[in-house]
Every structure is written in C-alpha cells, then in structure tokens.
Amino acid sequence: MAQDVVLGLRANWRQFWLLVTINAFVGAMVGLERTVLPLLAETEFGIGSRSAALSFIATFGLVKAVTNWFAGTLGDRIGRKRVLVFGWLMAIPVPFLIIAAPNWGWIIVANVFLGLNQGLAWSTTVIMKIDLVGPRRRGLAMGLNEFAGYLAVGVTAFATGVIAQRFGLRPEPIYLGVAFSALGLGLSVLFVKDTMAHVRHEAGDLPTASGPGKRELFAEVSWKDPAMASCSQAGLVNNLNDGMAWGVFPLFFAAAGLGVAQIGVLAAVYPATWGVVQLGTGALSDRWGRRWLIVGGMVLQGGALLGMGATSGFGSWVFWSILLGIGTAMVYPTLIAAIGDVSQPAWRGSAVGVYRFWRDMGYVVGALGAGVIADLAGMDVAIQVVGALTIGSGLLVAARMPETRPPTT
C-alpha cells in the first residue's frame, strides 16, 4: 500500500542490498569477457584487424544502448521487477554460446544477448535504487550500485585471467558465467519486490499527465536541457574510453609481451578501482554537488589515457589504470544522480533510459573508432586520441552544465 511506503536507504535496506548483490552479478557477466575475448579473437579465431576484433564490443554497446532506452520506459509501464527478470533470462545463453563458438559470429550473437541482459538488468537495478532511497541520498545510492557492478567486473576479469593462464582461454574461465546468470535470475525471481509504489509515493500530488512525450523527452535529455544533455555527452565519452579500454588494452599489453595473468591484473585494476572509489564519490556528490566532480573526473580520465599511451611497463600501466579508475569513479555515479535530480518521478525511468542510451552508444563509437585508429596509426595513438577527446568532454561540461544539486554545509 502506498501509504505504508517509506523512502530512504535505512527504511529499505533489505531490498536495497539485495539489488546491490544482484547488480554485482550483472557486472560479473561483463567481467567474464574483459580479459578473455580480445585475446580469443587473435589466438583462436585468427582475427588480425583491431576493428574486426573489437566488433563484439560495438555489437554489445549498440544492443545495450537501445535496450536501455526501452528498459526505462518499459519499467515505468509494466513495473521494474518484470523487466529485471527478463533481463536475466537474456543472460542464460551467453556463456554457452562463447564456450561452443566455432566462429566469431557466435561471439557476436553472444554479445547481442549480453547487451540485452545489461540494458535490462543494470538499468532496472539503477532505477529501483533511485526509487527506494528518494532524493536525499541519490548520489550515495548510485555509488553503491556502481561499486558493486564494477568491482565485480574487475574481480571477474582478474579471475578469468588466472583461470585462463592455467587452463586456456576457454571453456574453463567461461563456466563462471553459468553460475552468475543462474544466481542473478534466481535472486530476482524469488526475492526482489517491485518499487512502483515508491515511485507513486514520491510523486505525491505531482501531475503525471503533463510529463513530456517520447520525442520531447528524448530531445530534452539528448540536447535541449543543459544539465541532462551535458550528462548524456559526458556519459557517451566516458563509455567511449571504456569501450576502447575493454578492447584495446588487452591487445596493447599482449603486444608488449605481457602474459595472460598480467593482462588479467591490468584488466581488473581499472574497473576495480572504479568500483571501490565510487563508494566515496557518489556520497560526496550529494554534499559537494555534481558538476565539478564530473568535470574533474573527465579531465583525470583523459590525462590517465594520455599517460597510458605514452609509457610502457607493467608498473607504469598499473599506475595509469588506477588514475583512470579514480577519474571514472568521480563521473559515473554522479552523472546518473544528476539525471535523477532534474527528472520527475513519473518519467524518471524514461529519462534515465535515454541517458543510458547515449552513454552506452559510447561503446559503439569507442570500439569502432579506436579499432580504426589502431589499424591506421597504432594502438598507442588510439589510446591517446581517446584521452584527448575525454578531456574535451570535461571542458564542455564545465562550459554548459548547471549545478543540479548545490553543495551542502
């Protein structure tokens, strides 16, 4: 009953932490690929072109971006839990397709399913946490959500690297995906409760009929509203550099002579740092405001990428990976919290969906663009070009984005 609903992290801690756990399994499904798949493209399928090798990331990003858009709207219409459960059903085929793949086409199909899983399941856990905590602790909620997801990406990337070093690139490392998808689906079906009552409670007496239509909302989030549009472009560039890191870094490190286990460590350091530091940055954005954390984080990411492309050696790359993770942690939960600040509860899910559409289109641009540049000019140049673009994105936020949550004392 709506009158029994209370907003806040403390009042909803059981469901909140259940969703944090589930999002860790969502992130682990991506971590399954971070170390293994770029190497698999070269060693087992003989794909020499960087553009072709990174095609699985572009496919994943395109499907995830489009699914994000529909996931928010669908959750507003039919409820969050149904969307979450369907998202986990899409995860089930992923590990089996990778294990059995006789050619690269099967890997592409696996990433169609992975994109559906991530777009539906991750988007829904984000929206449900925003629903539960209300406006005061939105940054903290996003920090905890992204902490769980990206720490799991890092841990799984490391684990698959260790397993692959001992047993080979497949099938043994991919067996983890079978467990992750089964656990995520089971927890979602058996224990998750829908949060639409929390949406209605927060909306209160606000009129719902006056919300923007689909086209108007897409335009507002994409380019018209200075706050939401700034978040959308920064999110796109953030995932542009993450898509590049996912696909190019393992090949870059392998070309320098590192083994699979060392590559696994480097593939893990960046998302693990990103995940852990978000525990602080999300909450800090509630106190300090969103804008300058986003600007500083984008500039720090760009500087780290410039350093990564200009230096060599395992220790140096660990250092730059840590800085890249810190910069991303400053940006990632803060962008979603800012969208939540300026969107009304009745159409928040749809606004988050449009933002996440643009953010995850960054995977497409990053994978394809970095692949082409790497083929033409080298992987180090591709990394540095993306770094420069990231700094430019941060400066654009500084120029256009208003503060969505003024600092508190």
Protein backbone atom coordinates (compact mmCIF):
# COMPACT_ATOMS: atom_id res chain seq x y z
CA MET A 1 0.00 0.00 0.00
CA ALA A 2 1.31 3.43 -0.97
CA GLN A 3 0.58 4.87 2.49
CA ASP A 4 2.91 2.29 4.06
CA VAL A 5 5.81 3.17 1.77
CA VAL A 6 8.78 5.00 3.27
CA LEU A 7 11.61 6.38 1.16
CA GLY A 8 15.21 6.13 2.30
CA LEU A 9 18.15 3.77 2.43
CA ARG A 10 17.64 2.75 6.05
CA ALA A 11 13.92 2.03 5.64
CA ASN A 12 14.53 -0.11 2.53
CA TRP A 13 17.93 -1.60 3.34
CA ARG A 14 16.99 -5.25 2.69
CA GLN A 15 15.75 -4.65 -0.84
CA PHE A 16 18.50 -2.12 -1.50
CA TRP A 17 21.32 -4.50 -0.59
CA LEU A 18 19.63 -7.34 -2.44
CA LEU A 19 19.70 -5.15 -5.57
CA VAL A 20 23.35 -4.28 -4.90
CA THR A 21 24.14 -8.01 -4.82
CA ILE A 22 22.19 -8.66 -8.00
CA ASN A 23 23.99 -5.83 -9.76
CA ALA A 24 27.30 -7.41 -8.79
CA PHE A 25 26.26 -10.47 -10.81
CA VAL A 26 25.24 -8.18 -13.69
CA GLY A 27 28.72 -6.65 -13.66
CA ALA A 28 30.36 -10.05 -13.39
CA MET A 29 28.77 -11.06 -16.71
CA VAL A 30 30.71 -8.22 -18.40
CA GLY A 31 33.88 -9.04 -16.46
CA LEU A 32 33.68 -12.52 -17.96
CA GLU A 33 34.80 -11.01 -21.29
CA ARG A 34 37.23 -8.23 -20.31
CA THR A 35 40.38 -10.35 -20.34
CA VAL A 36 39.48 -13.33 -22.49
CA LEU A 37 37.57 -12.21 -25.58
CA PRO A 38 40.05 -9.75 -27.15
CA LEU A 39 42.77 -12.42 -26.84
CA LEU A 40 40.42 -15.11 -28.11
CA ALA A 41 39.84 -13.09 -31.29
CA GLU A 42 43.54 -13.25 -32.18
CA THR A 43 44.63 -16.64 -30.87
CA GLU A 44 41.68 -18.91 -31.69
CA PHE A 45 39.86 -17.11 -34.49
CA GLY A 46 42.85 -15.54 -36.24
CA ILE A 47 41.38 -12.02 -36.41
CA GLY A 48 44.27 -9.63 -37.04
CA SER A 49 42.30 -6.44 -37.66
CA ARG A 50 41.70 -4.41 -34.50
CA SER A 51 38.42 -3.15 -35.95
CA ALA A 52 37.16 -6.68 -36.50
CA ALA A 53 38.42 -7.88 -33.14
CA LEU A 54 36.52 -5.09 -31.38
CA SER A 55 33.28 -5.78 -33.26
CA PHE A 56 31.89 -7.75 -30.33
CA ILE A 57 32.08 -4.63 -28.13
CA ALA A 58 30.35 -2.49 -30.75
CA THR A 59 27.57 -5.08 -31.01
CA PHE A 60 27.23 -5.24 -27.25
CA GLY A 61 27.15 -1.45 -26.95
CA LEU A 62 24.56 -0.93 -29.69
CA VAL A 63 22.18 -3.54 -28.29
CA LYS A 64 22.67 -2.31 -24.72
CA ALA A 65 22.13 1.33 -25.71
CA VAL A 66 18.84 0.65 -27.49
CA THR A 67 17.70 -1.69 -24.71
CA ASN A 68 18.45 0.96 -22.07
CA TRP A 69 16.10 3.33 -23.85
CA PHE A 70 13.24 0.86 -23.84
CA ALA A 71 14.03 -0.56 -20.38
CA GLY A 72 13.29 2.73 -18.63
CA THR A 73 10.03 3.29 -20.46
CA LEU A 74 9.01 -0.36 -20.08
CA GLY A 75 9.74 -0.25 -16.34
CA ASP A 76 7.55 2.84 -15.97
CA ARG A 77 4.69 0.98 -17.71
CA ILE A 78 4.77 -2.64 -16.50
CA GLY A 79 6.86 -2.44 -13.34
CA ARG A 80 10.56 -2.82 -12.60
CA LYS A 81 10.72 -6.45 -11.47
CA ARG A 82 9.36 -7.91 -14.72
CA VAL A 83 12.00 -6.05 -16.71
CA LEU A 84 14.74 -7.24 -14.33
CA VAL A 85 13.71 -10.88 -14.60
CA PHE A 86 13.52 -10.75 -18.39
CA GLY A 87 16.98 -9.19 -18.42
CA TRP A 88 18.37 -12.16 -16.54
CA LEU A 89 16.69 -14.61 -18.90
CA MET A 90 18.70 -12.97 -21.68
CA ALA A 91 21.94 -13.76 -19.81
CA ILE A 92 21.45 -17.53 -19.81
CA PRO A 93 22.69 -18.23 -23.39
CA VAL A 94 25.82 -16.03 -23.14
CA PRO A 95 28.37 -18.42 -21.59
CA PHE A 96 27.13 -21.40 -23.59
CA LEU A 97 27.49 -19.52 -26.90
CA ILE A 98 31.05 -18.42 -26.04
CA ILE A 99 32.06 -21.93 -24.96
CA ALA A 100 30.63 -23.61 -28.06
CA ALA A 101 31.51 -20.92 -30.63
CA PRO A 102 33.00 -22.45 -33.81
CA ASN A 103 33.49 -18.98 -35.37
CA TRP A 104 33.47 -15.29 -34.46
CA GLY A 105 29.83 -14.92 -35.50
CA TRP A 106 28.77 -16.89 -32.44
CA ILE A 107 30.68 -14.45 -30.22
CA ILE A 108 28.77 -11.58 -31.85
CA VAL A 109 25.46 -13.33 -31.13
CA ALA A 110 26.54 -13.93 -27.52
CA ASN A 111 27.11 -10.21 -27.17
CA VAL A 112 23.65 -9.44 -28.52
CA PHE A 113 22.28 -11.42 -25.57
CA LEU A 114 24.78 -9.80 -23.20
CA GLY A 115 23.71 -6.34 -24.38
CA LEU A 116 20.06 -7.25 -23.74
CA ASN A 117 20.97 -8.56 -20.28
CA GLN A 118 22.95 -5.46 -19.33
CA GLY A 119 20.47 -2.98 -20.79
CA LEU A 120 17.52 -4.51 -18.98
CA ALA A 121 19.06 -5.73 -15.72
CA TRP A 122 21.59 -2.98 -14.95
CA SER A 123 19.21 -0.19 -15.97
CA THR A 124 16.50 -1.63 -13.76
CA THR A 125 18.67 -2.05 -10.67
CA VAL A 126 19.76 1.58 -11.09
CA ILE A 127 16.20 2.84 -11.37
CA MET A 128 14.94 0.69 -8.49
CA LYS A 129 17.62 2.03 -6.14
CA ILE A 130 16.73 5.60 -7.09
CA ASP A 131 13.09 4.72 -6.37
CA LEU A 132 13.92 3.30 -2.93
CA VAL A 133 16.19 5.98 -1.48
CA GLY A 134 14.40 9.16 -2.54
CA PRO A 135 16.10 12.44 -3.44
CA ARG A 136 18.40 12.98 -0.44
CA ARG A 137 20.75 10.01 -0.86
CA ARG A 138 20.64 9.56 -4.60
CA GLY A 139 24.38 10.00 -5.12
CA LEU A 140 25.21 7.50 -2.38
CA ALA A 141 22.76 5.01 -3.88
CA MET A 142 24.37 5.29 -7.31
CA GLY A 143 27.83 4.99 -5.79
CA LEU A 144 26.87 1.76 -4.07
CA ASN A 145 25.19 0.41 -7.20
CA GLU A 146 28.14 1.13 -9.47
CA PHE A 147 30.59 -0.01 -6.77
CA ALA A 148 29.05 -3.46 -6.79
CA GLY A 149 28.81 -3.70 -10.56
CA TYR A 150 32.29 -2.53 -11.45
CA LEU A 151 34.11 -4.18 -8.57
CA ALA A 152 32.55 -7.39 -9.88
CA VAL A 153 33.78 -6.55 -13.39
CA GLY A 154 37.31 -6.19 -12.03
CA VAL A 155 37.27 -9.27 -9.83
CA THR A 156 35.88 -11.42 -12.63
CA ALA A 157 38.38 -10.04 -15.16
CA PHE A 158 41.18 -11.00 -12.76
CA ALA A 159 39.69 -14.43 -12.03
CA THR A 160 39.24 -15.29 -15.70
CA GLY A 161 42.84 -14.23 -16.38
CA VAL A 162 44.14 -16.53 -13.64
CA ILE A 163 42.00 -19.43 -14.85
CA ALA A 164 42.96 -18.82 -18.49
CA GLN A 165 46.66 -18.75 -17.62
CA ARG A 166 46.34 -22.26 -16.21
CA PHE A 167 43.67 -23.91 -18.36
CA GLY A 168 43.37 -21.84 -21.55
CA LEU A 169 41.05 -19.10 -22.79
CA ARG A 170 38.02 -21.42 -22.89
CA PRO A 171 35.95 -23.19 -21.72
CA GLU A 172 37.08 -23.10 -18.07
CA PRO A 173 37.04 -19.29 -17.50
CA ILE A 174 33.58 -19.04 -19.06
CA TYR A 175 32.00 -21.53 -16.66
CA LEU A 176 31.79 -18.67 -14.16
CA GLY A 177 29.11 -17.10 -16.37
CA VAL A 178 26.82 -20.09 -15.92
CA ALA A 179 26.88 -19.59 -12.14
CA PHE A 180 26.48 -15.81 -12.36
CA SER A 181 23.43 -15.95 -14.62
CA ALA A 182 21.73 -18.66 -12.55
CA LEU A 183 22.25 -16.76 -9.29
CA GLY A 184 21.11 -13.44 -10.76
CA LEU A 185 17.94 -14.94 -12.18
CA GLY A 186 17.12 -16.89 -9.03
CA LEU A 187 17.51 -13.91 -6.69
CA SER A 188 15.47 -11.67 -8.99
CA VAL A 189 12.57 -14.10 -9.30
CA LEU A 190 12.40 -15.20 -5.67
CA PHE A 191 13.26 -12.17 -3.58
CA VAL A 192 13.04 -8.84 -5.45
CA LYS A 193 9.95 -6.68 -4.85
CA ASP A 194 8.76 -4.07 -7.28
CA THR A 195 9.36 -0.41 -6.43
CA MET A 196 6.49 1.24 -8.33
CA ALA A 197 4.76 2.02 -5.02
CA HIS A 198 7.80 4.08 -4.06
CA VAL A 199 7.53 5.97 -7.35
CA ARG A 200 3.88 6.81 -6.68
CA HIS A 201 4.72 7.83 -3.11
CA GLU A 202 7.49 10.20 -4.17
CA ALA A 203 5.39 11.63 -6.98
CA GLY A 204 2.67 12.53 -4.46
CA ASP A 205 0.31 15.05 -5.96
CA LEU A 206 2.54 15.93 -8.92
CA PRO A 207 0.56 15.77 -12.17
CA THR A 208 1.59 12.83 -14.32
CA ALA A 209 -0.25 13.79 -17.49
CA SER A 210 1.92 16.85 -18.02
CA GLY A 211 5.14 14.87 -18.45
CA PRO A 212 6.99 15.15 -21.75
CA GLY A 213 6.13 12.88 -24.65
CA LYS A 214 8.65 10.38 -26.01
CA ARG A 215 10.10 12.64 -28.68
CA GLU A 216 10.17 15.66 -26.41
CA LEU A 217 11.84 13.70 -23.61
CA PHE A 218 14.45 12.29 -25.99
CA ALA A 219 15.24 15.80 -27.22
CA GLU A 220 15.41 17.22 -23.69
CA VAL A 221 17.82 14.57 -22.41
CA SER A 222 19.86 14.49 -25.63
CA TRP A 223 20.48 18.15 -26.41
CA LYS A 224 17.90 20.68 -25.17
CA ASP A 225 18.18 20.60 -21.38
CA PRO A 226 21.70 21.82 -20.48
CA ALA A 227 22.02 19.58 -17.42
CA MET A 228 20.72 16.34 -18.94
CA ALA A 229 22.38 16.94 -22.32
CA SER A 230 25.72 17.57 -20.62
CA CYS A 231 25.33 14.31 -18.74
CA SER A 232 24.48 12.48 -21.97
CA GLN A 233 27.54 13.66 -23.88
CA ALA A 234 29.86 13.05 -20.91
CA GLY A 235 28.37 9.59 -20.43
CA LEU A 236 28.90 8.78 -24.12
CA VAL A 237 32.56 9.85 -23.97
CA ASN A 238 33.09 8.02 -20.68
CA ASN A 239 31.93 4.74 -22.20
CA LEU A 240 33.78 5.57 -25.42
CA ASN A 241 37.00 5.37 -23.46
CA ASP A 242 35.80 2.32 -21.53
CA GLY A 243 34.99 0.53 -24.79
CA MET A 244 38.45 1.36 -26.04
CA ALA A 245 39.99 0.12 -22.78
CA TRP A 246 37.98 -3.12 -22.93
CA GLY A 247 39.04 -3.96 -26.46
CA VAL A 248 42.41 -2.30 -27.00
CA PHE A 249 44.14 -2.61 -23.63
CA PRO A 250 44.47 -6.44 -23.62
CA LEU A 251 45.86 -6.39 -27.18
CA PHE A 252 48.15 -3.44 -26.33
CA PHE A 253 49.53 -5.24 -23.30
CA ALA A 254 49.89 -8.55 -25.16
CA ALA A 255 51.84 -6.81 -27.95
CA ALA A 256 54.26 -5.57 -25.27
CA GLY A 257 54.93 -9.16 -24.20
CA LEU A 258 52.79 -9.48 -21.07
CA GLY A 259 51.28 -12.87 -20.20
CA VAL A 260 47.59 -13.60 -19.75
CA ALA A 261 47.79 -13.42 -15.94
CA GLN A 262 49.42 -9.96 -16.02
CA ILE A 263 46.89 -8.80 -18.59
CA GLY A 264 44.17 -10.07 -16.26
CA VAL A 265 45.60 -7.97 -13.41
CA LEU A 266 45.64 -4.84 -15.59
CA ALA A 267 42.15 -5.58 -16.90
CA ALA A 268 41.00 -5.83 -13.27
CA VAL A 269 42.78 -2.81 -11.70
CA TYR A 270 40.88 -0.17 -13.66
CA PRO A 271 37.28 -1.35 -13.08
CA ALA A 272 38.04 -2.50 -9.51
CA THR A 273 39.43 0.94 -8.60
CA TRP A 274 36.44 2.49 -10.34
CA GLY A 275 34.11 0.31 -8.30
CA VAL A 276 35.67 0.86 -4.88
CA VAL A 277 36.23 4.63 -5.18
CA GLN A 278 32.57 5.12 -6.13
CA LEU A 279 31.69 4.30 -2.54
CA GLY A 280 33.04 7.75 -1.70
CA THR A 281 32.39 9.79 -4.82
CA GLY A 282 28.69 9.07 -5.06
CA ALA A 283 28.12 10.24 -1.48
CA LEU A 284 30.45 13.23 -1.96
CA SER A 285 28.36 14.41 -4.89
CA ASP A 286 25.39 14.66 -2.51
CA ARG A 287 27.41 17.12 -0.39
CA TRP A 288 29.74 18.86 -2.85
CA GLY A 289 27.44 18.98 -5.88
CA ARG A 290 27.61 17.11 -9.18
CA ARG A 291 29.16 19.47 -11.74
CA TRP A 292 32.78 19.77 -10.67
CA LEU A 293 33.14 16.09 -9.80
CA ILE A 294 32.09 15.33 -13.38
CA VAL A 295 34.47 17.90 -14.86
CA GLY A 296 37.41 16.79 -12.72
CA GLY A 297 36.75 13.12 -13.36
CA MET A 298 36.64 13.51 -17.14
CA VAL A 299 39.89 15.50 -17.18
CA LEU A 300 41.60 12.95 -14.90
CA GLN A 301 40.48 10.08 -17.15
CA GLY A 302 41.81 11.85 -20.21
CA GLY A 303 45.16 12.54 -18.57
CA ALA A 304 45.48 8.91 -17.49
CA LEU A 305 44.83 7.72 -21.05
CA LEU A 306 47.44 10.11 -22.44
CA GLY A 307 49.90 8.69 -19.93
CA MET A 308 48.92 5.10 -20.70
CA GLY A 309 49.62 5.54 -24.40
CA ALA A 310 52.92 7.39 -23.85
CA THR A 311 54.60 4.98 -21.40
CA SER A 312 55.39 1.28 -21.15
CA GLY A 313 55.89 -1.34 -18.49
CA PHE A 314 53.61 -3.24 -16.12
CA GLY A 315 54.17 -0.92 -13.13
CA SER A 316 53.53 2.22 -15.15
CA TRP A 317 50.36 0.79 -16.63
CA VAL A 318 49.08 -0.18 -13.17
CA PHE A 319 49.57 3.45 -12.06
CA TRP A 320 47.69 4.89 -15.04
CA SER A 321 44.94 2.27 -14.65
CA ILE A 322 44.40 3.34 -11.04
CA LEU A 323 44.14 7.00 -12.07
CA LEU A 324 41.74 6.06 -14.86
CA GLY A 325 39.58 4.19 -12.35
CA ILE A 326 39.55 7.14 -9.92
CA GLY A 327 38.54 9.53 -12.68
CA THR A 328 35.76 7.25 -13.85
CA ALA A 329 34.51 6.82 -10.27
CA MET A 330 34.19 10.60 -9.96
CA VAL A 331 31.98 10.68 -13.04
CA TYR A 332 29.90 7.52 -13.28
CA PRO A 333 27.51 7.62 -10.30
CA THR A 334 27.40 11.41 -10.39
CA LEU A 335 26.01 11.54 -13.92
CA ILE A 336 23.10 9.22 -13.10
CA ALA A 337 22.40 11.10 -9.86
CA ALA A 338 22.30 14.38 -11.81
CA ILE A 339 19.71 12.93 -14.20
CA GLY A 340 17.69 11.89 -11.16
CA ASP A 341 17.96 15.41 -9.74
CA VAL A 342 16.26 17.08 -12.68
CA SER A 343 13.70 14.41 -13.72
CA GLN A 344 10.32 13.93 -12.07
CA PRO A 345 9.47 10.55 -10.51
CA ALA A 346 6.72 9.77 -13.02
CA TRP A 347 9.09 9.90 -16.01
CA ARG A 348 12.44 9.33 -14.28
CA GLY A 349 12.84 5.81 -15.61
CA SER A 350 12.37 7.03 -19.16
CA ALA A 351 14.87 9.89 -18.66
CA VAL A 352 17.46 7.51 -17.23
CA GLY A 353 16.81 5.21 -20.19
CA VAL A 354 17.56 7.96 -22.72
CA TYR A 355 20.70 8.99 -20.83
CA ARG A 356 21.89 5.38 -20.70
CA PHE A 357 21.14 5.03 -24.43
CA TRP A 358 23.63 7.78 -25.21
CA ARG A 359 26.11 6.62 -22.58
CA ASP A 360 26.30 3.11 -23.96
CA MET A 361 26.44 4.28 -27.55
CA GLY A 362 29.92 5.23 -26.41
CA TYR A 363 30.85 1.55 -26.59
CA VAL A 364 29.98 1.54 -30.29
CA VAL A 365 31.90 4.73 -31.05
CA GLY A 366 34.82 3.72 -28.86
CA ALA A 367 35.21 0.20 -30.20
CA LEU A 368 34.84 1.11 -33.86
CA GLY A 369 36.76 4.39 -33.68
CA ALA A 370 39.62 3.03 -31.60
CA GLY A 371 39.82 -0.04 -33.84
CA VAL A 372 40.15 2.05 -36.99
CA ILE A 373 42.75 4.37 -35.44
CA ALA A 374 44.69 1.40 -34.07
CA ASP A 375 44.76 -0.23 -37.53
CA LEU A 376 45.89 3.00 -39.19
CA ALA A 377 48.24 4.56 -36.64
CA GLY A 378 48.83 2.09 -33.81
CA MET A 379 47.22 1.25 -30.51
CA ASP A 380 49.18 3.85 -28.55
CA VAL A 381 47.85 6.60 -30.80
CA ALA A 382 44.28 5.28 -30.44
CA ILE A 383 44.59 5.43 -26.65
CA GLN A 384 45.90 9.00 -26.71
CA VAL A 385 43.27 10.26 -29.16
CA VAL A 386 40.55 8.94 -26.87
CA GLY A 387 42.29 10.61 -23.92
CA ALA A 388 42.22 13.98 -25.67
CA LEU A 389 38.51 13.56 -26.51
CA THR A 390 37.78 12.80 -22.85
CA ILE A 391 39.47 15.98 -21.66
CA GLY A 392 37.47 17.94 -24.26
CA SER A 393 34.25 16.40 -22.94
CA GLY A 394 35.06 17.53 -19.41
CA LEU A 395 35.69 21.08 -20.58
CA LEU A 396 32.34 21.07 -22.40
CA VAL A 397 30.58 20.07 -19.17
CA ALA A 398 32.32 22.96 -17.38
CA ALA A 399 31.07 25.35 -20.04
CA ARG A 400 27.45 24.23 -20.29
CA MET A 401 26.20 22.19 -17.33
CA PRO A 402 24.46 23.96 -14.42
CA GLU A 403 24.79 22.53 -10.91
CA THR A 404 21.87 20.16 -10.25
CA ARG A 405 22.50 19.75 -6.53
CA PRO A 406 24.03 22.80 -4.78
CA PRO A 407 26.74 21.95 -2.20
CA THR A 408 25.55 21.48 1.40
CA THR A 409 27.36 22.54 4.52
